[in-house]
Amino acid sequence: MTLPSPAPILSLLTAGILSVLTVHGARASVTIDFTAQTGQRNVIDHFGNLVENDGGEVRVGVIDRDFDLARYGDDLHRLAQAWTPLGSTPIREVLGQPSRFSARTVVKQTAPTGKKLYLWVLTTTNGGSADQDFGNVRSHGLFSSTAEHWVVPSPAELAPRNSTILSSSQIDQSWLGETITESSLHLGQPASEEIHYDEWQASVFSPTMPDAGTAPLADPDGDGLVNLLEQFTGRNPLVDEPAPFSTSIGTDAVEFQFERSKDVPAGAAKLFISNNLDDWAESDAGSSARVIADLGNRERVQIRIALSSLPAAWRGSLFIRLDVTL
């Protein structure tokens, strides 16, 4: 089955000038320019050094309304799950000044009008874009502004009123503990993706309980979930509860849902798929996970795997595995 192609994204490099771009045959389009003129802020990594030319990327986008920035703003994977991208551009030298944002016009059809705009700055170990699993990210920062025009403009307006210009000199908000100065934006290190099992173990088990029952791979309540998965899914390891996983098959996708504790990093789990239970491959679909329900101390997460993204031989037999590591 072939899925419809995504809406086209047209881009145009600029140099701090609003570019009016006519898109023939397109409807409901807006333009967002991010400029980095000479003299505006540069980017400093968590070591206090200027970011090297082509040292990473700047993402322009919006964030789900219910996302808790104060609590999860430093969790790369949770932030990605709440993020709607509108475009991105490399960090590179601008007019002889290193470590500055280059400017780019982003044209996005059916953009979320009126939503607040954010800049997500990521530096990488290889100087390119961030990998889907963020394995090459060395520092990052999330920024925005209280300025009224830092919102997605309305596509109902004619140019240039359906366009907006963002500038690093206007940034006055950050969420990851970065420092905003007159000349620079300081990035922070990504949060750890490790699960702190020892702390959880001490909080849920009695000190008198035998070690054999409190180990990560033990299952003291006999419900089929080992303790490590009980921690990840926010369950009580001493109470037999219904399984926190479900899978359904639609006409164009396989949908996998699972529960996740709000106290564990989202990157602690990776999704693998197989058609024979012997050969497993990590699935890119894990990066498209979305939180669909708030369950108090945990949340329900949904991952959709498009059937068109699978080899034809896999569409009749597909197995899904969620790996959680210490």
Protein backbone atom coordinates (compact mmCIF):
# COMPACT_ATOMS: atom_id res chain seq x y z
CA MET A 1 0.00 0.00 0.00
CA THR A 2 1.37 3.39 -0.96
CA LEU A 3 0.94 6.31 1.43
CA PRO A 4 0.49 9.86 0.11
CA SER A 5 3.68 11.89 0.00
CA PRO A 6 4.14 14.62 2.68
CA ALA A 7 3.47 18.25 1.90
CA PRO A 8 6.46 19.86 0.16
CA ILE A 9 8.81 22.12 2.07
CA LEU A 10 10.50 24.82 0.02
CA SER A 11 13.52 26.64 1.41
CA LEU A 12 15.58 29.67 0.42
CA LEU A 13 18.83 30.87 2.00
CA THR A 14 18.76 34.53 2.96
CA ALA A 15 21.09 37.01 4.64
CA GLY A 16 18.94 38.72 7.20
CA ILE A 17 16.42 39.97 4.64
CA LEU A 18 12.75 39.01 4.50
CA SER A 19 12.31 36.94 1.35
CA VAL A 20 8.89 36.91 -0.25
CA LEU A 21 8.59 33.53 -1.96
CA THR A 22 5.68 32.80 -4.26
CA VAL A 23 4.58 29.16 -4.25
CA HIS A 24 2.49 28.45 -7.33
CA GLY A 25 -0.33 26.00 -6.84
CA ALA A 26 0.14 25.80 -3.06
CA ARG A 27 -2.42 26.79 -0.48
CA ALA A 28 -2.20 27.64 3.21
CA SER A 29 1.54 28.40 3.14
CA VAL A 30 3.54 30.67 5.43
CA THR A 31 7.17 31.77 5.56
CA ILE A 32 9.39 31.89 8.62
CA ASP A 33 12.80 33.56 8.35
CA PHE A 34 15.44 33.02 10.97
CA THR A 35 18.21 35.58 10.59
CA ALA A 36 21.70 35.81 12.05
CA GLN A 37 23.16 39.11 11.04
CA THR A 38 26.66 40.29 11.91
CA GLY A 39 26.77 41.35 15.53
CA GLN A 40 23.95 39.13 16.74
CA ARG A 41 24.44 36.35 19.25
CA ASN A 42 26.67 33.36 18.56
CA VAL A 43 26.50 29.88 20.11
CA ILE A 44 28.74 28.58 22.91
CA ASP A 45 28.77 24.89 23.82
CA HIS A 46 28.72 23.42 27.33
CA PHE A 47 32.53 23.68 27.53
CA GLY A 48 32.34 27.44 26.97
CA ASN A 49 33.78 27.25 23.45
CA LEU A 50 32.46 28.78 20.25
CA VAL A 51 30.74 26.14 18.15
CA GLU A 52 32.85 25.30 15.11
CA ASN A 53 31.59 26.05 11.62
CA ASP A 54 29.03 23.46 10.55
CA GLY A 55 29.08 22.17 14.11
CA GLY A 56 25.40 21.32 14.36
CA GLU A 57 21.94 22.55 13.49
CA VAL A 58 19.16 24.92 14.51
CA ARG A 59 15.63 23.54 14.34
CA VAL A 60 12.60 25.83 14.03
CA GLY A 61 9.32 24.40 15.27
CA VAL A 62 6.45 24.37 17.75
CA ILE A 63 5.81 22.25 20.84
CA ASP A 64 2.65 20.43 21.94
CA ARG A 65 0.57 22.61 24.23
CA ASP A 66 0.51 20.13 27.13
CA PHE A 67 4.24 19.36 27.09
CA ASP A 68 5.89 20.10 30.47
CA LEU A 69 8.94 22.15 29.46
CA ALA A 70 10.03 22.78 33.03
CA ARG A 71 10.19 19.05 33.76
CA TYR A 72 11.19 17.50 30.43
CA GLY A 73 12.85 20.28 28.45
CA ASP A 74 16.25 18.58 28.75
CA ASP A 75 15.00 15.12 27.67
CA LEU A 76 15.96 14.98 23.98
CA HIS A 77 13.58 12.15 23.12
CA ARG A 78 10.55 13.51 24.97
CA LEU A 79 11.15 16.92 23.42
CA ALA A 80 11.33 15.33 19.96
CA GLN A 81 8.04 13.54 20.60
CA ALA A 82 6.33 16.85 21.41
CA TRP A 83 8.03 18.75 18.57
CA THR A 84 6.41 19.76 15.25
CA PRO A 85 9.25 20.69 12.86
CA LEU A 86 8.96 23.68 10.56
CA GLY A 87 12.52 23.59 9.23
CA SER A 88 16.19 23.50 10.17
CA THR A 89 19.50 25.08 9.19
CA PRO A 90 23.18 24.43 9.96
CA ILE A 91 25.27 26.46 12.41
CA ARG A 92 27.97 28.01 10.27
CA GLU A 93 30.12 31.09 9.89
CA VAL A 94 28.13 34.15 8.78
CA LEU A 95 29.97 37.07 7.17
CA GLY A 96 33.26 36.08 8.78
CA GLN A 97 31.81 35.64 12.27
CA PRO A 98 31.95 32.02 13.49
CA SER A 99 29.40 30.10 15.51
CA ARG A 100 26.39 32.05 14.24
CA PHE A 101 23.13 30.85 12.80
CA SER A 102 22.77 31.03 9.08
CA ALA A 103 19.45 32.36 7.83
CA ARG A 104 16.87 30.28 6.09
CA THR A 105 13.34 30.78 4.87
CA VAL A 106 11.02 27.91 5.64
CA VAL A 107 7.78 27.48 3.73
CA LYS A 108 5.41 25.06 5.38
CA GLN A 109 1.96 24.10 4.19
CA THR A 110 -0.79 23.62 6.80
CA ALA A 111 1.47 25.14 9.47
CA PRO A 112 -0.03 25.39 13.01
CA THR A 113 -1.16 29.02 12.89
CA GLY A 114 -0.77 31.05 16.07
CA LYS A 115 1.44 28.58 17.92
CA LYS A 116 4.55 29.84 19.67
CA LEU A 117 7.82 29.36 17.79
CA TYR A 118 10.92 27.78 19.33
CA LEU A 119 14.54 27.40 18.29
CA TRP A 120 16.18 24.11 19.23
CA VAL A 121 19.97 24.34 18.91
CA LEU A 122 21.98 21.10 18.78
CA THR A 123 25.73 20.60 18.36
CA THR A 124 27.02 17.25 17.19
CA THR A 125 30.20 15.24 17.39
CA ASN A 126 30.46 14.93 13.60
CA GLY A 127 29.38 18.45 12.67
CA GLY A 128 26.26 17.31 10.84
CA SER A 129 22.59 17.11 11.70
CA ALA A 130 21.45 15.28 14.83
CA ASP A 131 20.88 11.54 14.40
CA GLN A 132 17.37 10.22 14.97
CA ASP A 133 18.49 8.57 18.21
CA PHE A 134 20.51 11.70 19.20
CA GLY A 135 23.59 9.53 19.66
CA ASN A 136 25.84 12.22 18.13
CA VAL A 137 24.47 15.19 20.11
CA ARG A 138 27.05 16.75 22.44
CA SER A 139 25.13 19.87 23.62
CA HIS A 140 21.78 21.52 23.01
CA GLY A 141 19.51 24.36 24.06
CA LEU A 142 15.87 25.36 23.63
CA PHE A 143 15.08 29.04 23.12
CA SER A 144 12.18 31.35 22.37
CA SER A 145 11.05 34.92 22.91
CA THR A 146 8.23 36.85 24.55
CA ALA A 147 8.02 39.03 21.44
CA GLU A 148 4.52 38.95 19.98
CA HIS A 149 5.63 38.01 16.48
CA TRP A 150 7.27 34.74 17.63
CA VAL A 151 4.23 32.77 16.48
CA VAL A 152 3.40 30.92 13.28
CA PRO A 153 1.73 33.51 11.00
CA SER A 154 -1.67 33.00 9.41
CA PRO A 155 -1.73 31.57 5.89
CA ALA A 156 -4.89 33.59 5.26
CA GLU A 157 -2.81 36.75 5.07
CA LEU A 158 -1.09 37.94 1.91
CA ALA A 159 2.69 38.37 1.80
CA PRO A 160 4.46 39.79 3.67
CA ARG A 161 1.88 39.53 6.49
CA ASN A 162 1.97 35.74 6.24
CA SER A 163 5.68 35.87 7.07
CA THR A 164 7.66 36.47 10.23
CA ILE A 165 11.32 37.19 10.97
CA LEU A 166 13.09 35.69 14.01
CA SER A 167 16.40 36.97 15.33
CA SER A 168 18.80 35.66 17.96
CA SER A 169 18.93 39.19 19.44
CA GLN A 170 15.25 38.81 20.43
CA ILE A 171 15.72 35.61 22.46
CA ASP A 172 14.86 36.05 26.13
CA GLN A 173 13.60 32.58 27.11
CA SER A 174 15.41 29.29 27.67
CA TRP A 175 14.48 26.04 29.43
CA LEU A 176 17.59 23.91 29.77
CA GLY A 177 19.63 25.95 32.22
CA GLU A 178 21.49 27.80 29.49
CA THR A 179 22.83 31.31 29.98
CA ILE A 180 21.66 34.07 27.65
CA THR A 181 24.08 36.97 27.42
CA GLU A 182 24.27 40.06 25.27
CA SER A 183 26.57 38.31 22.80
CA SER A 184 25.95 34.59 23.08
CA LEU A 185 23.70 31.63 23.81
CA HIS A 186 25.25 28.98 26.07
CA LEU A 187 24.16 25.39 25.50
CA GLY A 188 23.97 22.57 28.04
CA GLN A 189 24.73 18.86 28.00
CA PRO A 190 21.93 16.41 27.18
CA ALA A 191 20.36 14.70 30.16
CA SER A 192 21.42 11.14 30.88
CA GLU A 193 19.34 8.36 29.30
CA GLU A 194 20.21 5.91 32.07
CA ILE A 195 17.56 4.46 34.35
CA HIS A 196 18.55 4.82 38.00
CA TYR A 197 17.43 1.37 39.04
CA ASP A 198 19.10 1.31 42.46
CA GLU A 199 17.12 4.36 43.64
CA TRP A 200 13.83 2.89 42.40
CA GLN A 201 14.68 -0.50 43.91
CA ALA A 202 15.24 1.04 47.34
CA SER A 203 11.97 2.96 47.14
CA VAL A 204 9.65 0.05 46.25
CA PHE A 205 11.09 -3.02 47.98
CA SER A 206 11.42 -3.77 51.68
CA PRO A 207 15.03 -3.97 52.95
CA THR A 208 14.23 -7.49 54.17
CA MET A 209 13.20 -8.78 50.74
CA PRO A 210 15.71 -11.29 49.30
CA ASP A 211 17.99 -10.00 46.55
CA ALA A 212 16.63 -12.65 44.20
CA GLY A 213 13.30 -10.82 44.15
CA THR A 214 14.64 -7.29 43.78
CA ALA A 215 17.09 -7.84 40.90
CA PRO A 216 16.37 -6.04 37.58
CA LEU A 217 15.36 -9.26 35.79
CA ALA A 218 13.34 -10.73 38.66
CA ASP A 219 9.53 -10.95 38.52
CA PRO A 220 8.30 -11.16 42.13
CA ASP A 221 4.61 -10.66 41.28
CA GLY A 222 4.67 -13.20 38.43
CA ASP A 223 2.86 -10.97 35.92
CA GLY A 224 5.41 -11.46 33.14
CA LEU A 225 7.10 -8.07 33.60
CA VAL A 226 10.57 -8.10 35.12
CA ASN A 227 11.38 -5.38 37.64
CA LEU A 228 13.22 -3.21 35.12
CA LEU A 229 10.12 -3.10 32.90
CA GLU A 230 7.94 -2.48 35.95
CA GLN A 231 10.06 0.60 36.65
CA PHE A 232 9.98 1.78 33.03
CA THR A 233 6.20 1.37 32.72
CA GLY A 234 5.45 2.90 36.13
CA ARG A 235 3.94 -0.30 37.56
CA ASN A 236 4.03 -1.85 41.03
CA PRO A 237 6.45 -4.81 40.92
CA LEU A 238 4.57 -6.51 43.78
CA VAL A 239 1.09 -6.39 42.18
CA ASP A 240 -0.07 -8.47 39.21
CA GLU A 241 -1.48 -5.90 36.76
CA PRO A 242 -2.70 -6.02 33.12
CA ALA A 243 -0.01 -5.81 30.46
CA PRO A 244 0.95 -2.20 29.61
CA PHE A 245 1.51 -3.02 25.91
CA SER A 246 -0.89 -3.34 22.98
CA THR A 247 -0.60 -3.78 19.22
CA SER A 248 -3.20 -3.22 16.50
CA ILE A 249 -3.07 -3.54 12.71
CA GLY A 250 -4.80 -1.03 10.44
CA THR A 251 -5.12 -0.76 6.69
CA ASP A 252 -1.93 1.27 6.35
CA ALA A 253 0.00 0.94 9.61
CA VAL A 254 0.79 -1.16 12.66
CA GLU A 255 0.16 0.73 15.88
CA PHE A 256 2.13 -0.10 19.01
CA GLN A 257 1.22 1.45 22.36
CA PHE A 258 2.96 1.19 25.71
CA GLU A 259 3.00 2.91 29.07
CA ARG A 260 6.03 4.81 30.34
CA SER A 261 6.79 6.18 33.78
CA LYS A 262 7.16 9.95 33.90
CA ASP A 263 10.27 9.47 36.04
CA VAL A 264 12.37 7.65 33.42
CA PRO A 265 14.11 9.16 30.38
CA ALA A 266 12.38 8.40 27.08
CA GLY A 267 15.69 7.47 25.44
CA ALA A 268 16.12 4.49 27.76
CA ALA A 269 13.91 2.42 25.42
CA LYS A 270 14.52 1.49 21.78
CA LEU A 271 12.14 -0.15 19.33
CA PHE A 272 13.20 -3.20 17.28
CA ILE A 273 11.28 -5.08 14.59
CA SER A 274 11.66 -8.51 12.99
CA ASN A 275 9.78 -10.83 10.65
CA ASN A 276 11.23 -14.08 11.97
CA LEU A 277 12.13 -13.54 15.68
CA ASP A 278 15.79 -14.21 14.84
CA ASP A 279 16.97 -11.12 12.96
CA TRP A 280 16.14 -7.82 14.63
CA ALA A 281 16.64 -4.25 13.37
CA GLU A 282 16.19 -1.01 15.26
CA SER A 283 13.19 0.83 13.85
CA ASP A 284 13.23 4.52 12.94
CA ALA A 285 9.55 4.58 13.91
CA GLY A 286 10.61 4.86 17.54
CA SER A 287 11.62 8.46 16.91
CA SER A 288 8.02 9.28 15.92
CA ALA A 289 6.54 8.19 19.26
CA ARG A 290 3.80 10.46 20.61
CA VAL A 291 2.31 10.75 24.09
CA ILE A 292 -1.44 10.25 23.71
CA ALA A 293 -2.67 10.02 27.32
CA ASP A 294 -1.73 11.23 30.79
CA LEU A 295 -2.12 8.39 33.32
CA GLY A 296 -0.98 10.17 36.48
CA ASN A 297 2.47 8.84 37.33
CA ARG A 298 2.88 7.46 33.80
CA GLU A 299 1.89 8.24 30.21
CA ARG A 300 0.65 6.22 27.26
CA VAL A 301 2.89 6.39 24.19
CA GLN A 302 1.91 5.55 20.61
CA ILE A 303 4.21 4.46 17.77
CA ARG A 304 2.88 3.96 14.24
CA ILE A 305 4.84 1.89 11.73
CA ALA A 306 3.64 2.55 8.19
CA LEU A 307 3.21 -0.69 6.24
CA SER A 308 4.63 1.06 3.18
CA SER A 309 7.91 1.52 5.07
CA LEU A 310 8.36 -2.25 5.48
CA PRO A 311 9.74 -4.74 2.95
CA ALA A 312 6.89 -6.56 1.22
CA ALA A 313 7.89 -9.86 2.87
CA TRP A 314 7.48 -8.32 6.31
CA ARG A 315 3.88 -7.19 5.90
CA GLY A 316 2.48 -10.62 6.61
CA SER A 317 4.64 -11.34 9.68
CA LEU A 318 5.91 -8.55 11.93
CA PHE A 319 7.20 -8.75 15.50
CA ILE A 320 7.89 -5.73 17.71
CA ARG A 321 10.32 -5.61 20.62
CA LEU A 322 10.90 -2.78 23.09
CA ASP A 323 14.37 -2.85 24.66
CA VAL A 324 14.94 -1.09 27.98
CA THR A 325 18.51 -0.89 29.30
CA LEU A 326 20.11 0.18 32.55
